[in-house]
N, C-alpha and C. Protein backbone atom coordinates (compact mmCIF):
# COMPACT_ATOMS: atom_id res chain seq x y z
N UNK A 1 0.85 -1.20 0.00
CA UNK A 1 0.00 0.00 0.00
C UNK A 1 0.88 1.25 0.00
N UNK A 2 0.55 2.22 -0.85
CA UNK A 2 1.30 3.46 -0.89
C UNK A 2 1.18 4.21 0.43
N UNK A 3 2.20 5.01 0.74
CA UNK A 3 2.21 5.74 2.01
C UNK A 3 1.01 6.65 2.14
N UNK A 4 0.63 7.34 1.05
CA UNK A 4 -0.51 8.25 1.13
C UNK A 4 -1.81 7.49 1.36
N UNK A 5 -1.94 6.31 0.75
CA UNK A 5 -3.14 5.49 0.97
C UNK A 5 -3.19 4.98 2.41
N UNK A 6 -2.03 4.62 2.94
CA UNK A 6 -1.95 4.15 4.32
C UNK A 6 -2.38 5.25 5.29
N UNK A 7 -1.89 6.47 5.02
CA UNK A 7 -2.26 7.61 5.87
C UNK A 7 -3.74 7.92 5.74
N UNK A 8 -4.26 7.87 4.52
CA UNK A 8 -5.68 8.14 4.28
C UNK A 8 -6.55 7.16 5.04
N UNK A 9 -6.24 5.87 4.94
CA UNK A 9 -7.05 4.85 5.60
C UNK A 9 -6.99 4.99 7.12
N UNK A 10 -5.81 5.36 7.64
CA UNK A 10 -5.65 5.52 9.09
C UNK A 10 -6.55 6.63 9.62
N UNK A 11 -6.57 7.77 8.91
CA UNK A 11 -7.37 8.90 9.38
C UNK A 11 -8.85 8.65 9.13
N UNK A 12 -9.19 8.15 7.95
CA UNK A 12 -10.59 7.86 7.64
C UNK A 12 -11.15 6.87 8.65
N UNK A 13 -10.40 5.82 8.94
CA UNK A 13 -10.85 4.84 9.92
C UNK A 13 -11.02 5.45 11.30
N UNK A 14 -10.11 6.36 11.66
CA UNK A 14 -10.20 7.03 12.94
C UNK A 14 -11.42 7.91 13.05
N UNK A 15 -11.77 8.58 11.95
CA UNK A 15 -12.96 9.43 11.93
C UNK A 15 -14.22 8.58 12.06
N UNK A 16 -14.30 7.51 11.28
CA UNK A 16 -15.49 6.65 11.31
C UNK A 16 -15.66 5.95 12.66
N UNK A 17 -14.54 5.64 13.31
CA UNK A 17 -14.61 4.95 14.60
C UNK A 17 -14.81 5.92 15.76
N UNK A 18 -14.73 7.22 15.48
CA UNK A 18 -14.92 8.20 16.53
C UNK A 18 -13.66 8.58 17.28
N UNK A 19 -12.50 8.06 16.85
CA UNK A 19 -11.25 8.43 17.52
C UNK A 19 -10.90 9.89 17.23
N UNK A 20 -11.28 10.37 16.05
CA UNK A 20 -11.16 11.79 15.72
C UNK A 20 -12.57 12.35 15.72
N UNK A 21 -12.92 13.07 16.76
CA UNK A 21 -14.30 13.55 16.93
C UNK A 21 -14.60 14.74 16.02
N UNK A 22 -15.88 14.95 15.68
CA UNK A 22 -16.26 16.13 14.90
C UNK A 22 -15.77 17.41 15.55
N UNK A 23 -15.26 18.32 14.73
CA UNK A 23 -14.74 19.63 15.16
C UNK A 23 -13.36 19.55 15.81
N UNK A 24 -12.77 18.34 15.90
CA UNK A 24 -11.44 18.23 16.47
C UNK A 24 -10.37 18.46 15.41
N UNK A 25 -9.22 18.93 15.84
CA UNK A 25 -8.12 19.23 14.93
C UNK A 25 -7.27 17.98 14.69
N UNK A 26 -6.81 17.81 13.46
CA UNK A 26 -5.89 16.72 13.13
C UNK A 26 -4.64 17.33 12.50
N UNK A 27 -3.51 17.08 13.09
CA UNK A 27 -2.26 17.62 12.55
C UNK A 27 -1.57 16.62 11.64
N UNK A 28 -0.70 17.13 10.79
CA UNK A 28 0.09 16.26 9.92
C UNK A 28 0.94 15.32 10.75
N UNK A 29 1.44 15.83 11.87
CA UNK A 29 2.27 15.01 12.75
C UNK A 29 1.48 13.83 13.31
N UNK A 30 0.23 14.06 13.71
CA UNK A 30 -0.62 12.98 14.23
C UNK A 30 -0.86 11.92 13.18
N UNK A 31 -1.15 12.38 11.96
CA UNK A 31 -1.41 11.44 10.86
C UNK A 31 -0.16 10.62 10.57
N UNK A 32 0.98 11.31 10.50
CA UNK A 32 2.24 10.63 10.21
C UNK A 32 2.54 9.58 11.27
N UNK A 33 2.32 9.93 12.54
CA UNK A 33 2.60 8.99 13.63
C UNK A 33 1.63 7.81 13.62
N UNK A 34 0.35 8.10 13.36
CA UNK A 34 -0.66 7.04 13.37
C UNK A 34 -0.46 6.04 12.24
N UNK A 35 -0.02 6.53 11.08
CA UNK A 35 0.13 5.67 9.91
C UNK A 35 1.55 5.17 9.71
N UNK A 36 2.51 5.73 10.45
CA UNK A 36 3.91 5.33 10.27
C UNK A 36 4.49 5.79 8.95
N UNK A 37 4.13 7.03 8.56
CA UNK A 37 4.61 7.60 7.30
C UNK A 37 5.21 8.97 7.57
N UNK A 38 5.79 9.58 6.53
CA UNK A 38 6.34 10.92 6.67
C UNK A 38 5.24 11.97 6.55
N UNK A 39 5.58 13.23 6.74
CA UNK A 39 4.56 14.28 6.73
C UNK A 39 4.02 14.56 5.34
N UNK A 40 4.80 14.29 4.30
CA UNK A 40 4.31 14.59 2.94
C UNK A 40 3.09 13.74 2.58
N UNK A 41 3.13 12.40 2.72
CA UNK A 41 1.91 11.63 2.44
C UNK A 41 0.80 11.94 3.43
N UNK A 42 1.14 12.31 4.66
CA UNK A 42 0.12 12.70 5.63
C UNK A 42 -0.63 13.93 5.14
N UNK A 43 0.13 14.88 4.60
CA UNK A 43 -0.49 16.11 4.07
C UNK A 43 -1.40 15.79 2.88
N UNK A 44 -0.94 14.90 2.00
CA UNK A 44 -1.75 14.52 0.83
C UNK A 44 -3.01 13.79 1.26
N UNK A 45 -2.91 12.96 2.30
CA UNK A 45 -4.08 12.23 2.80
C UNK A 45 -5.13 13.20 3.34
N UNK A 46 -4.70 14.23 4.05
CA UNK A 46 -5.63 15.22 4.58
C UNK A 46 -6.31 15.99 3.46
N UNK A 47 -5.56 16.29 2.39
CA UNK A 47 -6.16 16.97 1.24
C UNK A 47 -7.22 16.09 0.58
N UNK A 48 -6.94 14.81 0.49
CA UNK A 48 -7.90 13.87 -0.10
C UNK A 48 -9.17 13.80 0.75
N UNK A 49 -9.00 13.75 2.05
CA UNK A 49 -10.15 13.71 2.96
C UNK A 49 -10.95 15.01 2.89
N UNK A 50 -10.24 16.12 2.65
CA UNK A 50 -10.91 17.41 2.48
C UNK A 50 -11.77 17.39 1.21
N UNK A 51 -11.24 16.83 0.13
CA UNK A 51 -11.99 16.77 -1.13
C UNK A 51 -13.24 15.91 -0.99
N UNK A 52 -13.22 14.95 -0.05
CA UNK A 52 -14.37 14.07 0.19
C UNK A 52 -15.30 14.62 1.26
N UNK A 53 -14.94 15.76 1.85
CA UNK A 53 -15.81 16.39 2.83
C UNK A 53 -15.68 15.90 4.26
N UNK A 54 -14.69 15.05 4.52
CA UNK A 54 -14.54 14.51 5.88
C UNK A 54 -13.75 15.44 6.79
N UNK A 55 -12.90 16.30 6.22
CA UNK A 55 -12.20 17.31 7.01
C UNK A 55 -12.29 18.64 6.30
N UNK A 56 -12.15 19.71 7.07
CA UNK A 56 -12.09 21.06 6.52
C UNK A 56 -10.78 21.70 6.94
N UNK A 57 -10.32 22.65 6.16
CA UNK A 57 -9.14 23.41 6.53
C UNK A 57 -9.58 24.76 7.07
N UNK A 58 -9.23 25.04 8.32
CA UNK A 58 -9.64 26.26 9.00
C UNK A 58 -8.42 27.14 9.27
N UNK A 59 -8.51 28.45 8.99
CA UNK A 59 -7.38 29.36 9.24
C UNK A 59 -6.86 29.24 10.67
N UNK A 60 -5.55 29.14 10.80
CA UNK A 60 -4.86 29.07 12.09
C UNK A 60 -5.08 27.77 12.85
N UNK A 61 -5.83 26.84 12.26
CA UNK A 61 -6.06 25.55 12.92
C UNK A 61 -5.63 24.37 12.07
N UNK A 62 -5.64 24.53 10.77
CA UNK A 62 -5.30 23.43 9.88
C UNK A 62 -6.50 22.54 9.62
N UNK A 63 -6.27 21.23 9.59
CA UNK A 63 -7.34 20.28 9.29
C UNK A 63 -8.22 20.04 10.51
N UNK A 64 -9.54 20.16 10.31
CA UNK A 64 -10.51 19.96 11.38
C UNK A 64 -11.57 18.98 10.88
N UNK A 65 -11.92 17.99 11.70
CA UNK A 65 -12.93 16.99 11.31
C UNK A 65 -14.27 17.69 11.09
N UNK A 66 -14.90 17.38 9.98
CA UNK A 66 -16.17 18.01 9.63
C UNK A 66 -17.24 17.70 10.67
N UNK A 67 -18.00 18.73 11.01
CA UNK A 67 -19.12 18.60 11.94
C UNK A 67 -20.41 18.88 11.17
N UNK A 68 -21.33 17.89 11.14
CA UNK A 68 -22.56 18.05 10.38
C UNK A 68 -23.72 18.43 11.30
N UNK A 69 -24.48 19.44 10.88
CA UNK A 69 -25.68 19.85 11.61
C UNK A 69 -26.88 19.06 11.10
N UNK A 70 -28.04 19.25 11.74
CA UNK A 70 -29.26 18.59 11.30
C UNK A 70 -29.64 19.01 9.89
N UNK A 71 -29.48 20.31 9.58
CA UNK A 71 -29.81 20.77 8.23
C UNK A 71 -28.84 20.21 7.21
N UNK A 72 -27.57 20.04 7.60
CA UNK A 72 -26.59 19.40 6.71
C UNK A 72 -27.05 17.98 6.39
N UNK A 73 -27.49 17.26 7.42
CA UNK A 73 -27.91 15.88 7.22
C UNK A 73 -29.14 15.80 6.32
N UNK A 74 -30.07 16.73 6.51
CA UNK A 74 -31.24 16.77 5.63
C UNK A 74 -30.81 16.92 4.17
N UNK A 75 -29.89 17.85 3.92
CA UNK A 75 -29.44 18.08 2.54
C UNK A 75 -28.71 16.87 1.99
N UNK A 76 -27.91 16.24 2.84
CA UNK A 76 -27.17 15.05 2.41
C UNK A 76 -28.13 13.96 1.93
N UNK A 77 -29.20 13.72 2.69
CA UNK A 77 -30.14 12.67 2.31
C UNK A 77 -30.95 13.06 1.07
N UNK A 78 -31.27 14.34 0.93
CA UNK A 78 -31.98 14.79 -0.27
C UNK A 78 -31.10 14.58 -1.52
N UNK A 79 -29.82 14.90 -1.40
CA UNK A 79 -28.91 14.71 -2.52
C UNK A 79 -28.73 13.22 -2.82
N UNK A 80 -28.63 12.41 -1.77
CA UNK A 80 -28.49 10.98 -1.98
C UNK A 80 -29.72 10.40 -2.69
N UNK A 81 -30.91 10.90 -2.33
CA UNK A 81 -32.13 10.40 -2.97
C UNK A 81 -32.08 10.64 -4.48
N UNK A 82 -31.55 11.80 -4.87
CA UNK A 82 -31.44 12.11 -6.30
C UNK A 82 -30.35 11.30 -6.98
N UNK A 83 -29.15 11.34 -6.39
CA UNK A 83 -27.99 10.73 -7.05
C UNK A 83 -28.01 9.21 -7.00
N UNK A 84 -28.40 8.64 -5.88
CA UNK A 84 -28.39 7.18 -5.78
C UNK A 84 -29.53 6.55 -6.58
N UNK A 85 -30.64 7.27 -6.74
CA UNK A 85 -31.70 6.77 -7.62
C UNK A 85 -31.20 6.68 -9.05
N UNK A 86 -30.46 7.70 -9.46
CA UNK A 86 -29.86 7.69 -10.81
C UNK A 86 -28.86 6.54 -10.92
N UNK A 87 -28.04 6.38 -9.88
CA UNK A 87 -27.02 5.34 -9.92
C UNK A 87 -27.59 3.94 -10.00
N UNK A 88 -28.62 3.67 -9.20
CA UNK A 88 -29.17 2.31 -9.20
C UNK A 88 -29.92 2.02 -10.50
N UNK A 89 -30.48 3.06 -11.12
CA UNK A 89 -31.11 2.86 -12.43
C UNK A 89 -30.08 2.44 -13.46
N UNK A 90 -28.90 3.07 -13.41
CA UNK A 90 -27.81 2.66 -14.30
C UNK A 90 -27.37 1.23 -13.99
N UNK A 91 -27.25 0.94 -12.68
CA UNK A 91 -26.79 -0.40 -12.28
C UNK A 91 -27.75 -1.49 -12.75
N UNK A 92 -29.04 -1.16 -12.83
CA UNK A 92 -30.03 -2.16 -13.25
C UNK A 92 -29.76 -2.66 -14.66
N UNK A 93 -29.15 -1.83 -15.48
CA UNK A 93 -28.86 -2.24 -16.86
C UNK A 93 -27.39 -2.62 -17.07
N UNK A 94 -26.51 -2.19 -16.14
CA UNK A 94 -25.07 -2.39 -16.36
C UNK A 94 -24.43 -3.42 -15.44
N UNK A 95 -25.03 -3.71 -14.30
CA UNK A 95 -24.41 -4.60 -13.32
C UNK A 95 -24.24 -6.01 -13.88
N UNK A 96 -23.11 -6.61 -13.58
CA UNK A 96 -22.89 -8.00 -13.97
C UNK A 96 -23.63 -8.92 -13.01
N UNK A 97 -23.81 -10.16 -13.42
CA UNK A 97 -24.45 -11.14 -12.55
C UNK A 97 -23.66 -11.31 -11.25
N UNK A 98 -22.34 -11.25 -11.34
CA UNK A 98 -21.49 -11.39 -10.16
C UNK A 98 -21.69 -10.22 -9.21
N UNK A 99 -21.83 -9.02 -9.75
CA UNK A 99 -22.07 -7.84 -8.91
C UNK A 99 -23.42 -7.94 -8.21
N UNK A 100 -24.43 -8.39 -8.93
CA UNK A 100 -25.76 -8.54 -8.32
C UNK A 100 -25.72 -9.61 -7.23
N UNK A 101 -24.99 -10.69 -7.46
CA UNK A 101 -24.87 -11.75 -6.46
C UNK A 101 -24.17 -11.23 -5.21
N UNK A 102 -23.14 -10.40 -5.38
CA UNK A 102 -22.43 -9.83 -4.23
C UNK A 102 -23.34 -8.90 -3.43
N UNK A 103 -24.15 -8.12 -4.13
CA UNK A 103 -25.10 -7.23 -3.46
C UNK A 103 -26.15 -8.03 -2.69
N UNK A 104 -26.60 -9.13 -3.27
CA UNK A 104 -27.58 -9.98 -2.61
C UNK A 104 -27.01 -10.56 -1.32
N UNK A 105 -25.75 -10.96 -1.35
CA UNK A 105 -25.09 -11.49 -0.16
C UNK A 105 -25.04 -10.45 0.95
N UNK A 106 -24.66 -9.22 0.60
CA UNK A 106 -24.61 -8.14 1.58
C UNK A 106 -25.99 -7.86 2.16
N UNK A 107 -27.00 -7.83 1.30
CA UNK A 107 -28.37 -7.56 1.75
C UNK A 107 -28.87 -8.65 2.70
N UNK A 108 -28.56 -9.89 2.38
CA UNK A 108 -29.00 -11.00 3.24
C UNK A 108 -28.28 -10.97 4.59
N UNK A 109 -26.99 -10.59 4.58
CA UNK A 109 -26.25 -10.48 5.84
C UNK A 109 -26.84 -9.36 6.70
N UNK A 110 -27.20 -8.24 6.06
CA UNK A 110 -27.78 -7.14 6.81
C UNK A 110 -29.13 -7.53 7.41
N UNK A 111 -29.94 -8.25 6.65
CA UNK A 111 -31.23 -8.71 7.16
C UNK A 111 -31.05 -9.62 8.37
N UNK A 112 -30.07 -10.50 8.30
CA UNK A 112 -29.81 -11.42 9.42
C UNK A 112 -29.38 -10.65 10.66
N UNK A 113 -28.53 -9.63 10.48
CA UNK A 113 -28.09 -8.82 11.61
C UNK A 113 -29.26 -8.05 12.22
N UNK A 114 -30.14 -7.50 11.37
CA UNK A 114 -31.30 -6.75 11.86
C UNK A 114 -32.28 -7.65 12.60
N UNK A 115 -32.37 -8.88 12.14
CA UNK A 115 -33.31 -9.83 12.76
C UNK A 115 -32.76 -10.39 14.08
N UNK A 116 -31.47 -10.74 14.10
CA UNK A 116 -30.90 -11.43 15.26
C UNK A 116 -30.47 -10.46 16.37
N UNK A 117 -29.97 -9.28 15.98
CA UNK A 117 -29.55 -8.23 16.90
C UNK A 117 -28.64 -8.75 18.02
N UNK A 118 -27.57 -9.42 17.61
CA UNK A 118 -26.55 -9.87 18.56
C UNK A 118 -25.63 -8.71 18.94
N UNK A 119 -24.85 -8.87 19.99
CA UNK A 119 -23.96 -7.81 20.46
C UNK A 119 -23.14 -7.23 19.31
N UNK A 120 -23.12 -5.90 19.22
CA UNK A 120 -22.35 -5.24 18.18
C UNK A 120 -23.04 -5.16 16.84
N UNK A 121 -24.33 -5.52 16.79
CA UNK A 121 -25.02 -5.59 15.49
C UNK A 121 -25.15 -4.24 14.80
N UNK A 122 -25.29 -3.15 15.55
CA UNK A 122 -25.44 -1.85 14.90
C UNK A 122 -24.19 -1.45 14.12
N UNK A 123 -23.03 -1.72 14.70
CA UNK A 123 -21.77 -1.42 13.99
C UNK A 123 -21.66 -2.26 12.73
N UNK A 124 -22.03 -3.55 12.83
CA UNK A 124 -21.94 -4.43 11.67
C UNK A 124 -22.94 -4.00 10.60
N UNK A 125 -24.13 -3.60 11.00
CA UNK A 125 -25.13 -3.14 10.03
C UNK A 125 -24.64 -1.88 9.32
N UNK A 126 -24.03 -0.97 10.08
CA UNK A 126 -23.52 0.27 9.47
C UNK A 126 -22.49 -0.04 8.39
N UNK A 127 -21.60 -0.99 8.67
CA UNK A 127 -20.56 -1.36 7.69
C UNK A 127 -21.18 -2.06 6.49
N UNK A 128 -22.10 -2.99 6.72
CA UNK A 128 -22.76 -3.70 5.63
C UNK A 128 -23.55 -2.73 4.75
N UNK A 129 -24.22 -1.79 5.38
CA UNK A 129 -25.00 -0.79 4.64
C UNK A 129 -24.09 0.04 3.75
N UNK A 130 -22.97 0.49 4.31
CA UNK A 130 -22.03 1.30 3.53
C UNK A 130 -21.47 0.51 2.35
N UNK A 131 -21.12 -0.76 2.59
CA UNK A 131 -20.59 -1.60 1.51
C UNK A 131 -21.64 -1.81 0.42
N UNK A 132 -22.88 -2.01 0.83
CA UNK A 132 -23.96 -2.23 -0.15
C UNK A 132 -24.10 -1.02 -1.07
N UNK A 133 -24.17 0.17 -0.48
CA UNK A 133 -24.37 1.37 -1.29
C UNK A 133 -23.15 1.65 -2.16
N UNK A 134 -21.96 1.38 -1.65
CA UNK A 134 -20.77 1.59 -2.46
C UNK A 134 -20.71 0.60 -3.62
N UNK A 135 -21.05 -0.65 -3.36
CA UNK A 135 -21.04 -1.65 -4.43
C UNK A 135 -22.06 -1.30 -5.50
N UNK A 136 -23.19 -0.75 -5.09
CA UNK A 136 -24.20 -0.32 -6.05
C UNK A 136 -23.64 0.76 -6.97
N UNK A 137 -22.94 1.72 -6.38
CA UNK A 137 -22.39 2.81 -7.20
C UNK A 137 -21.29 2.31 -8.12
N UNK A 138 -20.51 1.36 -7.66
CA UNK A 138 -19.50 0.75 -8.54
C UNK A 138 -20.18 0.06 -9.72
N UNK A 139 -21.29 -0.62 -9.44
CA UNK A 139 -22.03 -1.33 -10.50
C UNK A 139 -22.65 -0.36 -11.50
N UNK A 140 -22.84 0.89 -11.08
CA UNK A 140 -23.41 1.90 -11.98
C UNK A 140 -22.42 2.32 -13.06
N UNK A 141 -21.14 2.03 -12.84
CA UNK A 141 -20.13 2.31 -13.87
C UNK A 141 -19.93 3.78 -14.19
N UNK A 142 -20.00 4.63 -13.16
CA UNK A 142 -19.83 6.07 -13.38
C UNK A 142 -18.86 6.65 -12.36
N UNK A 143 -17.58 6.78 -12.70
CA UNK A 143 -16.61 7.39 -11.77
C UNK A 143 -17.03 8.78 -11.33
N UNK A 144 -17.68 9.52 -12.21
CA UNK A 144 -18.14 10.88 -11.87
C UNK A 144 -19.17 10.82 -10.73
N UNK A 145 -20.09 9.86 -10.83
CA UNK A 145 -21.10 9.70 -9.78
C UNK A 145 -20.45 9.25 -8.48
N UNK A 146 -19.48 8.36 -8.56
CA UNK A 146 -18.77 7.90 -7.37
C UNK A 146 -18.11 9.06 -6.64
N UNK A 147 -17.48 9.96 -7.40
CA UNK A 147 -16.83 11.12 -6.78
C UNK A 147 -17.86 12.02 -6.11
N UNK A 148 -19.00 12.22 -6.77
CA UNK A 148 -20.04 13.09 -6.22
C UNK A 148 -20.62 12.52 -4.92
N UNK A 149 -20.66 11.19 -4.81
CA UNK A 149 -21.28 10.55 -3.66
C UNK A 149 -20.30 10.23 -2.54
N UNK A 150 -19.01 10.41 -2.77
CA UNK A 150 -17.99 9.96 -1.82
C UNK A 150 -18.27 10.43 -0.39
N UNK A 151 -18.39 11.74 -0.18
CA UNK A 151 -18.61 12.26 1.17
C UNK A 151 -20.03 11.98 1.65
N UNK A 152 -21.00 11.96 0.74
CA UNK A 152 -22.40 11.76 1.14
C UNK A 152 -22.61 10.39 1.75
N UNK A 153 -21.89 9.39 1.24
CA UNK A 153 -22.05 8.04 1.75
C UNK A 153 -21.34 7.83 3.09
N UNK A 154 -20.36 8.70 3.40
CA UNK A 154 -19.64 8.57 4.66
C UNK A 154 -20.41 9.20 5.82
N UNK A 155 -21.20 10.25 5.54
CA UNK A 155 -21.84 11.02 6.61
C UNK A 155 -22.65 10.17 7.59
N UNK A 156 -23.52 9.26 7.12
CA UNK A 156 -24.29 8.46 8.08
C UNK A 156 -23.40 7.60 8.98
N UNK A 157 -22.27 7.10 8.44
CA UNK A 157 -21.35 6.32 9.26
C UNK A 157 -20.73 7.18 10.35
N UNK A 158 -20.26 8.39 9.94
CA UNK A 158 -19.60 9.28 10.90
C UNK A 158 -20.57 9.69 12.00
N UNK A 159 -21.81 9.98 11.62
CA UNK A 159 -22.79 10.46 12.59
C UNK A 159 -23.52 9.33 13.31
N UNK A 160 -23.15 8.07 12.96
CA UNK A 160 -23.73 6.89 13.62
C UNK A 160 -25.26 6.95 13.64
N UNK A 161 -25.83 7.20 12.47
CA UNK A 161 -27.27 7.39 12.37
C UNK A 161 -28.07 6.14 12.74
N UNK A 162 -27.46 4.95 12.63
CA UNK A 162 -28.20 3.74 12.94
C UNK A 162 -28.55 3.63 14.43
N UNK A 163 -27.91 4.45 15.28
CA UNK A 163 -28.27 4.47 16.69
C UNK A 163 -29.70 4.97 16.89
N UNK A 164 -30.23 5.71 15.89
CA UNK A 164 -31.58 6.25 15.98
C UNK A 164 -32.64 5.29 15.45
N UNK A 165 -32.22 4.16 14.90
CA UNK A 165 -33.15 3.24 14.26
C UNK A 165 -33.80 2.31 15.29
N UNK A 166 -35.10 2.12 15.16
CA UNK A 166 -35.79 1.10 15.94
C UNK A 166 -35.58 -0.25 15.26
N UNK A 167 -36.00 -1.32 15.93
CA UNK A 167 -35.90 -2.65 15.32
C UNK A 167 -36.70 -2.69 14.02
N UNK A 168 -37.86 -2.04 14.01
CA UNK A 168 -38.68 -1.99 12.80
C UNK A 168 -37.98 -1.23 11.67
N UNK A 169 -37.32 -0.12 12.02
CA UNK A 169 -36.59 0.66 11.03
C UNK A 169 -35.47 -0.16 10.39
N UNK A 170 -34.77 -0.92 11.23
CA UNK A 170 -33.66 -1.73 10.74
C UNK A 170 -34.16 -2.81 9.78
N UNK A 171 -35.28 -3.44 10.11
CA UNK A 171 -35.84 -4.47 9.25
C UNK A 171 -36.32 -3.87 7.93
N UNK A 172 -36.93 -2.69 8.00
CA UNK A 172 -37.40 -2.03 6.78
C UNK A 172 -36.22 -1.69 5.87
N UNK A 173 -35.15 -1.16 6.44
CA UNK A 173 -33.97 -0.81 5.65
C UNK A 173 -33.39 -2.03 4.95
N UNK A 174 -33.29 -3.13 5.70
CA UNK A 174 -32.76 -4.37 5.12
C UNK A 174 -33.68 -4.90 4.03
N UNK A 175 -34.99 -4.79 4.24
CA UNK A 175 -35.96 -5.24 3.24
C UNK A 175 -35.84 -4.41 1.96
N UNK A 176 -35.58 -3.12 2.11
CA UNK A 176 -35.38 -2.27 0.93
C UNK A 176 -34.18 -2.76 0.11
N UNK A 177 -33.11 -3.12 0.81
CA UNK A 177 -31.92 -3.60 0.10
C UNK A 177 -32.24 -4.87 -0.68
N UNK A 178 -32.99 -5.76 -0.08
CA UNK A 178 -33.36 -6.99 -0.78
C UNK A 178 -34.25 -6.70 -1.99
N UNK A 179 -35.14 -5.71 -1.84
CA UNK A 179 -36.00 -5.36 -2.98
C UNK A 179 -35.18 -4.70 -4.09
N UNK A 180 -34.18 -3.92 -3.72
CA UNK A 180 -33.29 -3.34 -4.73
C UNK A 180 -32.59 -4.45 -5.52
N UNK A 181 -32.17 -5.49 -4.83
CA UNK A 181 -31.53 -6.61 -5.51
C UNK A 181 -32.52 -7.27 -6.47
N UNK A 182 -33.76 -7.42 -6.04
CA UNK A 182 -34.78 -8.02 -6.91
C UNK A 182 -34.98 -7.17 -8.17
N UNK A 183 -34.97 -5.84 -8.00
CA UNK A 183 -35.12 -4.96 -9.15
C UNK A 183 -33.93 -5.09 -10.10
N UNK A 184 -32.74 -5.26 -9.54
CA UNK A 184 -31.55 -5.44 -10.38
C UNK A 184 -31.62 -6.77 -11.12
N UNK A 185 -32.06 -7.81 -10.42
CA UNK A 185 -32.18 -9.13 -11.05
C UNK A 185 -33.19 -9.07 -12.21
N UNK A 186 -34.22 -8.23 -12.05
CA UNK A 186 -35.23 -8.09 -13.10
C UNK A 186 -34.79 -7.11 -14.18
N UNK A 187 -33.65 -6.44 -13.97
CA UNK A 187 -33.14 -5.43 -14.90
C UNK A 187 -34.17 -4.32 -15.12
N UNK A 188 -34.84 -3.94 -14.03
CA UNK A 188 -35.90 -2.93 -14.10
C UNK A 188 -35.40 -1.63 -13.47
N UNK A 189 -34.93 -0.71 -14.30
CA UNK A 189 -34.34 0.54 -13.82
C UNK A 189 -35.35 1.42 -13.08
N UNK A 190 -36.58 1.49 -13.58
CA UNK A 190 -37.59 2.33 -12.95
C UNK A 190 -37.95 1.82 -11.56
N UNK A 191 -38.12 0.51 -11.43
CA UNK A 191 -38.41 -0.10 -10.13
C UNK A 191 -37.26 0.17 -9.16
N UNK A 192 -36.04 -0.05 -9.61
CA UNK A 192 -34.87 0.15 -8.75
C UNK A 192 -34.78 1.59 -8.26
N UNK A 193 -34.98 2.55 -9.16
CA UNK A 193 -34.89 3.97 -8.79
C UNK A 193 -35.97 4.33 -7.78
N UNK A 194 -37.18 3.81 -7.96
CA UNK A 194 -38.28 4.09 -7.06
C UNK A 194 -38.01 3.57 -5.65
N UNK A 195 -37.50 2.34 -5.58
CA UNK A 195 -37.19 1.75 -4.28
C UNK A 195 -36.07 2.54 -3.58
N UNK A 196 -35.06 2.93 -4.35
CA UNK A 196 -33.94 3.67 -3.75
C UNK A 196 -34.41 5.00 -3.19
N UNK A 197 -35.25 5.71 -3.92
CA UNK A 197 -35.74 6.99 -3.42
C UNK A 197 -36.53 6.79 -2.12
N UNK A 198 -37.38 5.79 -2.08
CA UNK A 198 -38.14 5.50 -0.87
C UNK A 198 -37.21 5.13 0.29
N UNK A 199 -36.19 4.35 -0.02
CA UNK A 199 -35.22 3.89 0.97
C UNK A 199 -34.49 5.08 1.61
N UNK A 200 -34.00 5.99 0.79
CA UNK A 200 -33.25 7.14 1.31
C UNK A 200 -34.15 8.09 2.09
N UNK A 201 -35.33 8.37 1.57
CA UNK A 201 -36.23 9.30 2.25
C UNK A 201 -36.78 8.71 3.55
N UNK A 202 -36.97 7.40 3.60
CA UNK A 202 -37.38 6.75 4.85
C UNK A 202 -36.28 6.88 5.90
N UNK A 203 -35.03 6.74 5.45
CA UNK A 203 -33.89 6.90 6.38
C UNK A 203 -33.85 8.33 6.91
N UNK A 204 -34.06 9.29 6.03
CA UNK A 204 -34.08 10.70 6.44
C UNK A 204 -35.17 10.94 7.49
N UNK A 205 -36.35 10.40 7.26
CA UNK A 205 -37.47 10.61 8.19
C UNK A 205 -37.19 9.97 9.53
N UNK A 206 -36.48 8.86 9.55
CA UNK A 206 -36.16 8.17 10.79
C UNK A 206 -35.31 9.05 11.71
N UNK A 207 -34.51 9.93 11.11
CA UNK A 207 -33.61 10.77 11.89
C UNK A 207 -34.27 12.03 12.43
N UNK A 208 -35.50 12.28 12.01
CA UNK A 208 -36.20 13.48 12.48
C UNK A 208 -36.85 13.22 13.84
N UNK A 209 -36.97 14.27 14.67
CA UNK A 209 -37.59 14.09 16.00
C UNK A 209 -39.03 13.60 15.86
């Protein structure tokens, strides 16, 4: 793994795990020490994270972990509803059988976690959910769309939104993923886009008081 990639993964993982809290400062020295690299790749990793919206550069402070407000989260989900609906419609016609099979496996694992709710299940669901949505965007075959969605897909993980989900919400989310797979298997772009929009907007509503 390249030094810059190693530094990027170390900081990104720290942000997602909560080791770097929202609004906290991250120095090049901290990144270099955490990843075991020099300051140059550490600096490049912070720039990459900035381009994805996970950190901001603040005058006299340097890199600061992005802090999302409720209105920010609303906008993020509205944008996801638009962009991911487009992406899954593309995936319905472009995804390979192997990609659809991989998505089905992720969806079934998420359903099992939502149903069984064993210790640590929320963290596992968050990871499975992120992988599912990322694999869908890869199947859409649009690097431009992937870049546009990069930070939007990370926000729910960073903000640990699944902590707000009831058991019913978790089952509904998993069921949506399985229905998305069914739409892909049927190669039905309109069905897939409709389910995705409902899925994202239902998630948004779950986070409201």
